[in-house]
């Protein structure tokens, strides 16, 4: 199957995959809580990831697991998705209600400026691509919520209460 055929299939199946995942999370958790990182390198470029199971480019991050703090979750997700290690405590940018995903989903967004990348991550079953991008030249399919968080951090725009 070609990359473009896989991409079309993923886009067509994405709503069903989200519903199944959120049904599981609804049964497993009363509320979903995730973290994302606006990771900015010294040149002002932002780190983004492309998942195998949803379309578009996103800020790195994921769900907070039982027994983890939000910052521990961010540290784990940055290691898993970008081979990134924090060198300083990230600052909390804001808490967002992601009603587009479900009526129970909340996301904490952190700003990360002090980090090391221990090598370029290889694509895997979850993350198919990663990269640092100039904030004025983001990939075309960068998601709306991702663009909004980057704009808030870089341009000093007041954060919205909603993700998108």
N, C-alpha and C. Protein backbone atom coordinates (compact mmCIF):
# COMPACT_ATOMS: atom_id res chain seq x y z
N UNK A 1 0.85 -1.18 0.00
CA UNK A 1 0.00 0.00 0.00
C UNK A 1 0.89 1.24 0.00
N UNK A 2 0.58 2.20 -0.84
CA UNK A 2 1.39 3.41 -0.94
C UNK A 2 1.16 4.31 0.27
N UNK A 3 2.08 5.25 0.48
CA UNK A 3 1.94 6.21 1.58
C UNK A 3 0.67 7.03 1.45
N UNK A 4 0.34 7.45 0.23
CA UNK A 4 -0.87 8.26 0.04
C UNK A 4 -2.12 7.44 0.30
N UNK A 5 -2.12 6.16 -0.06
CA UNK A 5 -3.27 5.29 0.22
C UNK A 5 -3.42 5.08 1.72
N UNK A 6 -2.30 4.88 2.42
CA UNK A 6 -2.34 4.74 3.88
C UNK A 6 -2.85 6.00 4.53
N UNK A 7 -2.41 7.14 4.03
CA UNK A 7 -2.85 8.42 4.58
C UNK A 7 -4.36 8.60 4.39
N UNK A 8 -4.87 8.27 3.22
CA UNK A 8 -6.32 8.37 2.98
C UNK A 8 -7.10 7.43 3.89
N UNK A 9 -6.59 6.20 4.05
CA UNK A 9 -7.25 5.23 4.92
C UNK A 9 -7.25 5.72 6.36
N UNK A 10 -6.12 6.27 6.82
CA UNK A 10 -6.03 6.79 8.19
C UNK A 10 -7.03 7.92 8.40
N UNK A 11 -7.11 8.86 7.44
CA UNK A 11 -8.06 9.97 7.57
C UNK A 11 -9.50 9.46 7.59
N UNK A 12 -9.79 8.44 6.80
CA UNK A 12 -11.15 7.92 6.75
C UNK A 12 -11.51 7.18 8.05
N UNK A 13 -10.54 6.51 8.64
CA UNK A 13 -10.79 5.72 9.86
C UNK A 13 -10.60 6.51 11.15
N UNK A 14 -10.00 7.70 11.05
CA UNK A 14 -9.67 8.48 12.25
C UNK A 14 -10.85 8.72 13.18
N UNK A 15 -12.02 9.13 12.68
CA UNK A 15 -13.15 9.35 13.61
C UNK A 15 -13.54 8.09 14.39
N UNK A 16 -13.51 6.94 13.73
CA UNK A 16 -13.86 5.69 14.42
C UNK A 16 -12.79 5.31 15.45
N UNK A 17 -11.54 5.51 15.09
CA UNK A 17 -10.45 5.20 16.03
C UNK A 17 -10.55 6.09 17.26
N UNK A 18 -10.81 7.39 17.06
CA UNK A 18 -10.96 8.30 18.20
C UNK A 18 -12.12 7.86 19.10
N UNK A 19 -13.24 7.48 18.49
CA UNK A 19 -14.40 7.06 19.29
C UNK A 19 -14.07 5.83 20.13
N UNK A 20 -13.39 4.84 19.54
CA UNK A 20 -13.04 3.63 20.27
C UNK A 20 -12.08 3.96 21.42
N UNK A 21 -11.06 4.77 21.13
CA UNK A 21 -10.11 5.14 22.19
C UNK A 21 -10.80 5.90 23.31
N UNK A 22 -11.67 6.83 22.95
CA UNK A 22 -12.33 7.62 24.00
C UNK A 22 -13.38 6.80 24.75
N UNK A 23 -13.98 5.80 24.11
CA UNK A 23 -14.87 4.90 24.84
C UNK A 23 -14.06 4.13 25.87
N UNK A 24 -12.88 3.63 25.47
CA UNK A 24 -12.02 2.93 26.43
C UNK A 24 -11.63 3.86 27.58
N UNK A 25 -11.19 5.09 27.23
CA UNK A 25 -10.77 6.04 28.27
C UNK A 25 -11.93 6.42 29.17
N UNK A 26 -13.13 6.48 28.61
CA UNK A 26 -14.30 6.81 29.42
C UNK A 26 -14.57 5.73 30.46
N UNK A 27 -14.38 4.48 30.06
CA UNK A 27 -14.57 3.38 30.99
C UNK A 27 -13.42 3.28 31.99
N UNK A 28 -12.21 3.59 31.53
CA UNK A 28 -11.03 3.45 32.38
C UNK A 28 -10.80 4.67 33.27
N UNK A 29 -11.28 5.83 32.83
CA UNK A 29 -11.03 7.07 33.56
C UNK A 29 -12.28 7.93 33.53
N UNK A 30 -12.52 8.65 34.61
CA UNK A 30 -13.66 9.55 34.64
C UNK A 30 -13.45 10.78 33.78
N UNK A 31 -12.22 11.20 33.69
CA UNK A 31 -11.86 12.37 32.89
C UNK A 31 -10.51 12.06 32.25
N UNK A 32 -10.31 12.55 31.05
CA UNK A 32 -8.99 12.38 30.44
C UNK A 32 -8.19 13.65 30.65
N UNK A 33 -6.92 13.47 30.94
CA UNK A 33 -6.02 14.58 31.20
C UNK A 33 -4.71 14.30 30.48
N UNK A 34 -4.30 15.23 29.65
CA UNK A 34 -3.08 15.06 28.90
C UNK A 34 -2.16 16.24 29.04
N UNK A 35 -0.97 16.08 28.50
CA UNK A 35 0.03 17.14 28.49
C UNK A 35 0.57 17.29 27.08
N UNK A 36 1.00 18.49 26.77
CA UNK A 36 1.68 18.80 25.50
C UNK A 36 2.80 19.77 25.82
N UNK A 37 3.83 19.74 24.99
CA UNK A 37 4.95 20.64 25.18
C UNK A 37 5.20 21.50 23.95
N UNK A 38 5.29 22.80 24.16
CA UNK A 38 5.75 23.71 23.12
C UNK A 38 7.27 23.77 23.33
N UNK A 39 7.99 22.95 22.58
CA UNK A 39 9.43 22.81 22.73
C UNK A 39 10.10 23.72 21.70
N UNK A 40 10.81 24.73 22.20
CA UNK A 40 11.45 25.73 21.34
C UNK A 40 12.97 25.63 21.46
N UNK A 41 13.64 25.47 20.32
CA UNK A 41 15.10 25.39 20.34
C UNK A 41 15.69 26.80 20.36
N UNK A 42 17.01 26.94 20.52
CA UNK A 42 17.63 28.28 20.58
C UNK A 42 17.37 29.14 19.35
N UNK A 43 17.09 28.52 18.20
CA UNK A 43 16.80 29.27 16.98
C UNK A 43 15.33 29.69 16.90
N UNK A 44 14.54 29.30 17.92
CA UNK A 44 13.12 29.65 17.94
C UNK A 44 12.24 28.71 17.16
N UNK A 45 12.79 27.57 16.73
CA UNK A 45 11.98 26.57 16.01
C UNK A 45 11.24 25.70 17.02
N UNK A 46 10.09 25.22 16.61
CA UNK A 46 9.23 24.41 17.49
C UNK A 46 9.29 22.94 17.03
N UNK A 47 9.30 22.04 18.01
CA UNK A 47 9.34 20.60 17.74
C UNK A 47 7.92 20.08 17.58
N UNK A 48 7.67 19.36 16.48
CA UNK A 48 6.36 18.78 16.23
C UNK A 48 6.49 17.30 15.91
N UNK A 49 5.39 16.57 16.13
CA UNK A 49 5.35 15.14 15.82
C UNK A 49 4.15 14.84 14.93
N UNK A 50 4.30 13.76 14.15
CA UNK A 50 3.21 13.27 13.30
C UNK A 50 2.94 11.84 13.73
N UNK A 51 1.71 11.58 14.18
CA UNK A 51 1.32 10.27 14.68
C UNK A 51 0.87 9.35 13.55
N UNK A 52 0.90 8.05 13.80
CA UNK A 52 0.43 7.08 12.83
C UNK A 52 -1.09 6.95 12.85
N UNK A 53 -1.74 7.36 13.93
CA UNK A 53 -3.16 7.08 14.11
C UNK A 53 -4.08 8.30 14.02
N UNK A 54 -3.52 9.50 13.89
CA UNK A 54 -4.32 10.71 13.65
C UNK A 54 -3.58 11.56 12.63
N UNK A 55 -4.31 12.35 11.88
CA UNK A 55 -3.68 13.16 10.85
C UNK A 55 -3.14 14.46 11.42
N UNK A 56 -2.19 15.04 10.72
CA UNK A 56 -1.64 16.34 11.06
C UNK A 56 -0.42 16.28 11.95
N UNK A 57 0.20 17.46 12.09
CA UNK A 57 1.35 17.64 12.97
C UNK A 57 0.85 18.20 14.30
N UNK A 58 1.45 17.72 15.39
CA UNK A 58 1.00 18.05 16.75
C UNK A 58 2.19 18.41 17.63
N UNK A 59 1.90 19.09 18.72
CA UNK A 59 2.88 19.25 19.78
C UNK A 59 3.09 17.89 20.41
N UNK A 60 4.31 17.56 20.86
CA UNK A 60 4.52 16.27 21.51
C UNK A 60 3.79 16.22 22.85
N UNK A 61 3.35 15.03 23.21
CA UNK A 61 2.67 14.85 24.48
C UNK A 61 1.75 13.65 24.45
N UNK A 62 0.96 13.52 25.50
CA UNK A 62 0.05 12.39 25.61
C UNK A 62 -0.66 12.39 26.94
N UNK A 63 -1.27 11.26 27.25
CA UNK A 63 -2.06 11.14 28.46
C UNK A 63 -1.22 10.99 29.71
N UNK A 64 -1.70 11.58 30.79
CA UNK A 64 -1.07 11.43 32.10
C UNK A 64 -1.52 10.08 32.65
N UNK A 65 -0.57 9.24 33.00
CA UNK A 65 -0.86 7.90 33.51
C UNK A 65 -1.11 7.95 35.02
N UNK A 66 -1.79 6.95 35.51
CA UNK A 66 -2.04 6.82 36.94
C UNK A 66 -0.70 6.81 37.68
N UNK A 67 -0.59 7.63 38.72
CA UNK A 67 0.63 7.70 39.53
C UNK A 67 1.66 8.69 39.02
N UNK A 68 1.40 9.33 37.88
CA UNK A 68 2.32 10.32 37.33
C UNK A 68 1.85 11.73 37.63
N UNK A 69 2.79 12.63 37.82
CA UNK A 69 2.45 14.05 37.82
C UNK A 69 2.41 14.49 36.37
N UNK A 70 1.86 15.66 36.12
CA UNK A 70 1.80 16.18 34.75
C UNK A 70 3.20 16.37 34.19
N UNK A 71 4.12 16.89 35.01
CA UNK A 71 5.48 17.12 34.49
C UNK A 71 6.22 15.80 34.26
N UNK A 72 5.97 14.79 35.10
CA UNK A 72 6.56 13.47 34.85
C UNK A 72 6.04 12.90 33.53
N UNK A 73 4.76 13.10 33.28
CA UNK A 73 4.17 12.63 32.02
C UNK A 73 4.81 13.35 30.84
N UNK A 74 4.98 14.66 30.95
CA UNK A 74 5.61 15.42 29.88
C UNK A 74 7.02 14.91 29.62
N UNK A 75 7.79 14.70 30.69
CA UNK A 75 9.16 14.19 30.54
C UNK A 75 9.15 12.85 29.81
N UNK A 76 8.26 11.95 30.19
CA UNK A 76 8.17 10.63 29.56
C UNK A 76 7.80 10.76 28.08
N UNK A 77 6.78 11.56 27.80
CA UNK A 77 6.32 11.72 26.42
C UNK A 77 7.40 12.36 25.54
N UNK A 78 8.11 13.35 26.05
CA UNK A 78 9.18 13.97 25.26
C UNK A 78 10.29 12.98 24.95
N UNK A 79 10.62 12.11 25.92
CA UNK A 79 11.63 11.07 25.68
C UNK A 79 11.13 10.09 24.63
N UNK A 80 9.88 9.61 24.79
CA UNK A 80 9.34 8.61 23.88
C UNK A 80 9.15 9.15 22.46
N UNK A 81 8.66 10.36 22.33
CA UNK A 81 8.29 10.88 21.02
C UNK A 81 9.41 11.63 20.31
N UNK A 82 10.32 12.25 21.07
CA UNK A 82 11.33 13.07 20.43
C UNK A 82 12.76 12.82 20.86
N UNK A 83 12.95 11.84 21.77
CA UNK A 83 14.29 11.60 22.30
C UNK A 83 14.83 12.87 22.95
N UNK A 84 13.91 13.61 23.59
CA UNK A 84 14.24 14.88 24.24
C UNK A 84 14.31 14.70 25.75
N UNK A 85 15.29 15.34 26.37
CA UNK A 85 15.49 15.28 27.81
C UNK A 85 15.45 16.71 28.34
N UNK A 86 14.64 16.94 29.37
CA UNK A 86 14.54 18.27 29.97
C UNK A 86 15.81 18.60 30.75
N UNK A 87 16.29 19.83 30.60
CA UNK A 87 17.42 20.32 31.38
C UNK A 87 16.98 21.30 32.46
N UNK A 88 15.71 21.67 32.46
CA UNK A 88 15.17 22.60 33.44
C UNK A 88 13.68 22.33 33.57
N UNK A 89 13.08 22.87 34.60
CA UNK A 89 11.65 22.70 34.81
C UNK A 89 10.87 23.48 33.75
N UNK A 90 9.95 22.82 33.05
CA UNK A 90 9.16 23.55 32.06
C UNK A 90 8.16 24.47 32.75
N UNK A 91 7.76 25.53 32.05
CA UNK A 91 6.76 26.44 32.63
C UNK A 91 5.38 26.09 32.08
N UNK A 92 4.38 26.16 32.95
CA UNK A 92 3.01 25.88 32.55
C UNK A 92 2.48 27.06 31.75
N UNK A 93 2.06 26.80 30.54
CA UNK A 93 1.48 27.84 29.69
C UNK A 93 -0.01 27.99 29.95
N UNK A 94 -0.71 26.86 30.12
CA UNK A 94 -2.14 26.94 30.37
C UNK A 94 -2.80 25.58 30.40
N UNK A 95 -4.05 25.58 30.88
CA UNK A 95 -4.90 24.38 30.89
C UNK A 95 -6.03 24.62 29.91
N UNK A 96 -6.29 23.61 29.08
CA UNK A 96 -7.25 23.77 27.99
C UNK A 96 -8.27 22.65 27.99
N UNK A 97 -9.50 23.02 27.68
CA UNK A 97 -10.61 22.07 27.56
C UNK A 97 -10.70 21.70 26.09
N UNK A 98 -10.54 20.42 25.80
CA UNK A 98 -10.54 19.94 24.42
C UNK A 98 -11.89 19.32 24.08
N UNK A 99 -12.91 20.15 24.00
CA UNK A 99 -14.28 19.67 23.78
C UNK A 99 -14.45 19.05 22.41
N UNK A 100 -13.56 19.33 21.47
CA UNK A 100 -13.66 18.73 20.15
C UNK A 100 -13.44 17.22 20.24
N UNK A 101 -12.62 16.77 21.17
CA UNK A 101 -12.34 15.35 21.34
C UNK A 101 -13.43 14.70 22.19
N UNK A 102 -13.75 15.29 23.33
CA UNK A 102 -14.82 14.77 24.19
C UNK A 102 -15.18 15.86 25.20
N UNK A 103 -16.21 15.62 25.95
CA UNK A 103 -16.65 16.57 26.97
C UNK A 103 -15.90 16.38 28.30
N UNK A 104 -14.84 15.54 28.28
CA UNK A 104 -14.09 15.26 29.49
C UNK A 104 -12.58 15.44 29.32
N UNK A 105 -12.14 15.95 28.18
CA UNK A 105 -10.72 15.97 27.88
C UNK A 105 -10.10 17.33 28.21
N UNK A 106 -9.02 17.30 29.00
CA UNK A 106 -8.29 18.51 29.38
C UNK A 106 -6.81 18.31 29.08
N UNK A 107 -6.15 19.40 28.69
CA UNK A 107 -4.75 19.33 28.30
C UNK A 107 -3.98 20.45 29.00
N UNK A 108 -2.87 20.08 29.65
CA UNK A 108 -1.94 21.05 30.22
C UNK A 108 -0.83 21.26 29.21
N UNK A 109 -0.55 22.51 28.88
CA UNK A 109 0.50 22.82 27.91
C UNK A 109 1.65 23.50 28.64
N UNK A 110 2.84 22.97 28.41
CA UNK A 110 4.06 23.50 29.01
C UNK A 110 4.96 24.09 27.94
N UNK A 111 5.76 25.06 28.33
CA UNK A 111 6.77 25.63 27.44
C UNK A 111 8.12 25.07 27.87
N UNK A 112 8.83 24.52 26.90
CA UNK A 112 10.13 23.89 27.15
C UNK A 112 11.18 24.62 26.32
N UNK A 113 12.15 25.21 26.99
CA UNK A 113 13.23 25.92 26.29
C UNK A 113 14.61 25.33 26.61
N UNK A 114 14.71 24.61 27.71
CA UNK A 114 15.98 24.03 28.13
C UNK A 114 15.88 22.51 28.02
N UNK A 115 16.53 21.95 26.99
CA UNK A 115 16.44 20.51 26.73
C UNK A 115 17.63 20.08 25.89
N UNK A 116 17.78 18.78 25.79
CA UNK A 116 18.76 18.16 24.89
C UNK A 116 18.03 17.11 24.07
N UNK A 117 18.43 16.96 22.82
CA UNK A 117 17.91 15.86 22.01
C UNK A 117 19.03 14.85 21.87
N UNK A 118 18.78 13.62 22.35
CA UNK A 118 19.81 12.59 22.39
C UNK A 118 19.87 11.80 21.07
N UNK A 119 19.70 12.49 19.98
CA UNK A 119 19.69 11.84 18.67
C UNK A 119 18.32 11.97 18.04
N UNK A 120 18.30 11.92 16.73
CA UNK A 120 17.05 12.03 15.99
C UNK A 120 16.26 10.74 16.17
N UNK A 121 14.99 10.85 16.60
CA UNK A 121 14.21 9.64 16.80
C UNK A 121 13.86 8.95 15.48
N UNK A 122 13.92 7.64 15.49
CA UNK A 122 13.53 6.86 14.31
C UNK A 122 12.01 6.71 14.31
N UNK A 123 11.40 6.74 13.14
CA UNK A 123 9.95 6.50 13.08
C UNK A 123 9.61 5.14 13.69
N UNK A 124 8.44 5.05 14.32
CA UNK A 124 8.01 3.79 14.92
C UNK A 124 6.51 3.61 14.71
N UNK A 125 5.91 2.65 15.39
CA UNK A 125 4.49 2.36 15.18
C UNK A 125 3.57 3.50 15.61
N UNK A 126 4.04 4.39 16.48
CA UNK A 126 3.21 5.51 16.96
C UNK A 126 3.58 6.83 16.30
N UNK A 127 4.85 7.14 16.22
CA UNK A 127 5.32 8.42 15.68
C UNK A 127 6.02 8.14 14.35
N UNK A 128 5.43 8.68 13.26
CA UNK A 128 5.98 8.41 11.93
C UNK A 128 6.94 9.49 11.45
N UNK A 129 6.90 10.68 12.07
CA UNK A 129 7.82 11.75 11.67
C UNK A 129 7.91 12.77 12.81
N UNK A 130 9.06 13.41 12.90
CA UNK A 130 9.28 14.47 13.88
C UNK A 130 10.14 15.54 13.22
N UNK A 131 10.16 16.71 13.81
CA UNK A 131 11.05 17.74 13.30
C UNK A 131 10.90 19.06 14.02
N UNK A 132 11.91 19.89 13.86
CA UNK A 132 11.88 21.27 14.35
C UNK A 132 11.52 22.14 13.16
N UNK A 133 10.57 23.06 13.36
CA UNK A 133 10.07 23.91 12.28
C UNK A 133 10.07 25.37 12.72
N UNK A 134 10.40 26.25 11.78
CA UNK A 134 10.27 27.69 12.04
C UNK A 134 8.79 27.97 12.28
N UNK A 135 8.49 28.80 13.27
CA UNK A 135 7.08 29.05 13.62
C UNK A 135 6.32 29.76 12.51
N UNK A 136 7.03 30.41 11.60
CA UNK A 136 6.36 31.05 10.47
C UNK A 136 6.37 30.16 9.22
N UNK A 137 6.80 28.91 9.37
CA UNK A 137 6.82 27.96 8.25
C UNK A 137 6.44 26.56 8.73
N UNK A 138 5.35 26.48 9.48
CA UNK A 138 4.88 25.18 9.98
C UNK A 138 4.36 24.33 8.82
N UNK A 139 4.41 23.00 8.96
CA UNK A 139 3.84 22.16 7.91
C UNK A 139 2.37 22.52 7.67
N UNK A 140 1.94 22.39 6.44
CA UNK A 140 0.59 22.79 6.05
C UNK A 140 -0.48 22.11 6.91
N UNK A 141 -0.28 20.85 7.24
CA UNK A 141 -1.31 20.12 7.99
C UNK A 141 -1.09 20.15 9.51
N UNK A 142 -0.43 21.18 10.00
CA UNK A 142 -0.33 21.38 11.45
C UNK A 142 -1.73 21.70 11.97
N UNK A 143 -2.14 21.04 13.03
CA UNK A 143 -3.52 21.18 13.51
C UNK A 143 -3.79 22.59 14.04
N UNK A 144 -5.06 22.96 14.01
CA UNK A 144 -5.48 24.29 14.46
C UNK A 144 -5.11 24.55 15.92
N UNK A 145 -5.37 23.57 16.80
CA UNK A 145 -5.02 23.74 18.21
C UNK A 145 -3.53 23.89 18.43
N UNK A 146 -2.74 23.14 17.67
CA UNK A 146 -1.28 23.25 17.76
C UNK A 146 -0.83 24.64 17.33
N UNK A 147 -1.37 25.13 16.22
CA UNK A 147 -1.02 26.47 15.75
C UNK A 147 -1.40 27.54 16.79
N UNK A 148 -2.57 27.37 17.41
CA UNK A 148 -3.03 28.36 18.41
C UNK A 148 -2.09 28.39 19.60
N UNK A 149 -1.67 27.21 20.12
CA UNK A 149 -0.78 27.19 21.28
C UNK A 149 0.56 27.81 20.94
N UNK A 150 1.10 27.52 19.76
CA UNK A 150 2.38 28.08 19.35
C UNK A 150 2.26 29.60 19.27
N UNK A 151 1.20 30.09 18.66
CA UNK A 151 0.99 31.53 18.52
C UNK A 151 0.91 32.19 19.90
N UNK A 152 0.17 31.57 20.83
CA UNK A 152 0.06 32.14 22.18
C UNK A 152 1.43 32.29 22.83
N UNK A 153 2.25 31.24 22.72
CA UNK A 153 3.56 31.25 23.38
C UNK A 153 4.51 32.22 22.69
N UNK A 154 4.61 32.14 21.38
CA UNK A 154 5.60 32.93 20.65
C UNK A 154 5.22 34.40 20.55
N UNK A 155 3.93 34.68 20.34
CA UNK A 155 3.49 36.07 20.16
C UNK A 155 2.93 36.70 21.43
N UNK A 156 2.86 35.92 22.52
CA UNK A 156 2.35 36.46 23.77
C UNK A 156 0.86 36.68 23.78
N UNK A 157 0.14 35.97 22.92
CA UNK A 157 -1.32 36.08 22.85
C UNK A 157 -1.91 35.38 24.09
N UNK A 158 -2.94 35.97 24.69
CA UNK A 158 -3.57 35.37 25.87
C UNK A 158 -4.14 34.00 25.51
N UNK A 159 -3.88 32.99 26.35
CA UNK A 159 -4.39 31.65 26.07
C UNK A 159 -5.92 31.60 26.10
N UNK A 160 -6.47 30.79 25.23
CA UNK A 160 -7.90 30.51 25.21
C UNK A 160 -8.18 29.46 26.27
N UNK A 161 -9.43 29.33 26.69
CA UNK A 161 -9.80 28.26 27.62
C UNK A 161 -10.00 26.94 26.87
N UNK A 162 -10.26 27.05 25.57
CA UNK A 162 -10.52 25.87 24.74
C UNK A 162 -9.30 25.53 23.90
N UNK A 163 -9.13 24.24 23.63
CA UNK A 163 -8.00 23.78 22.85
C UNK A 163 -8.01 24.32 21.42
N UNK A 164 -9.12 24.20 20.74
CA UNK A 164 -9.13 24.58 19.32
C UNK A 164 -9.57 26.00 19.09
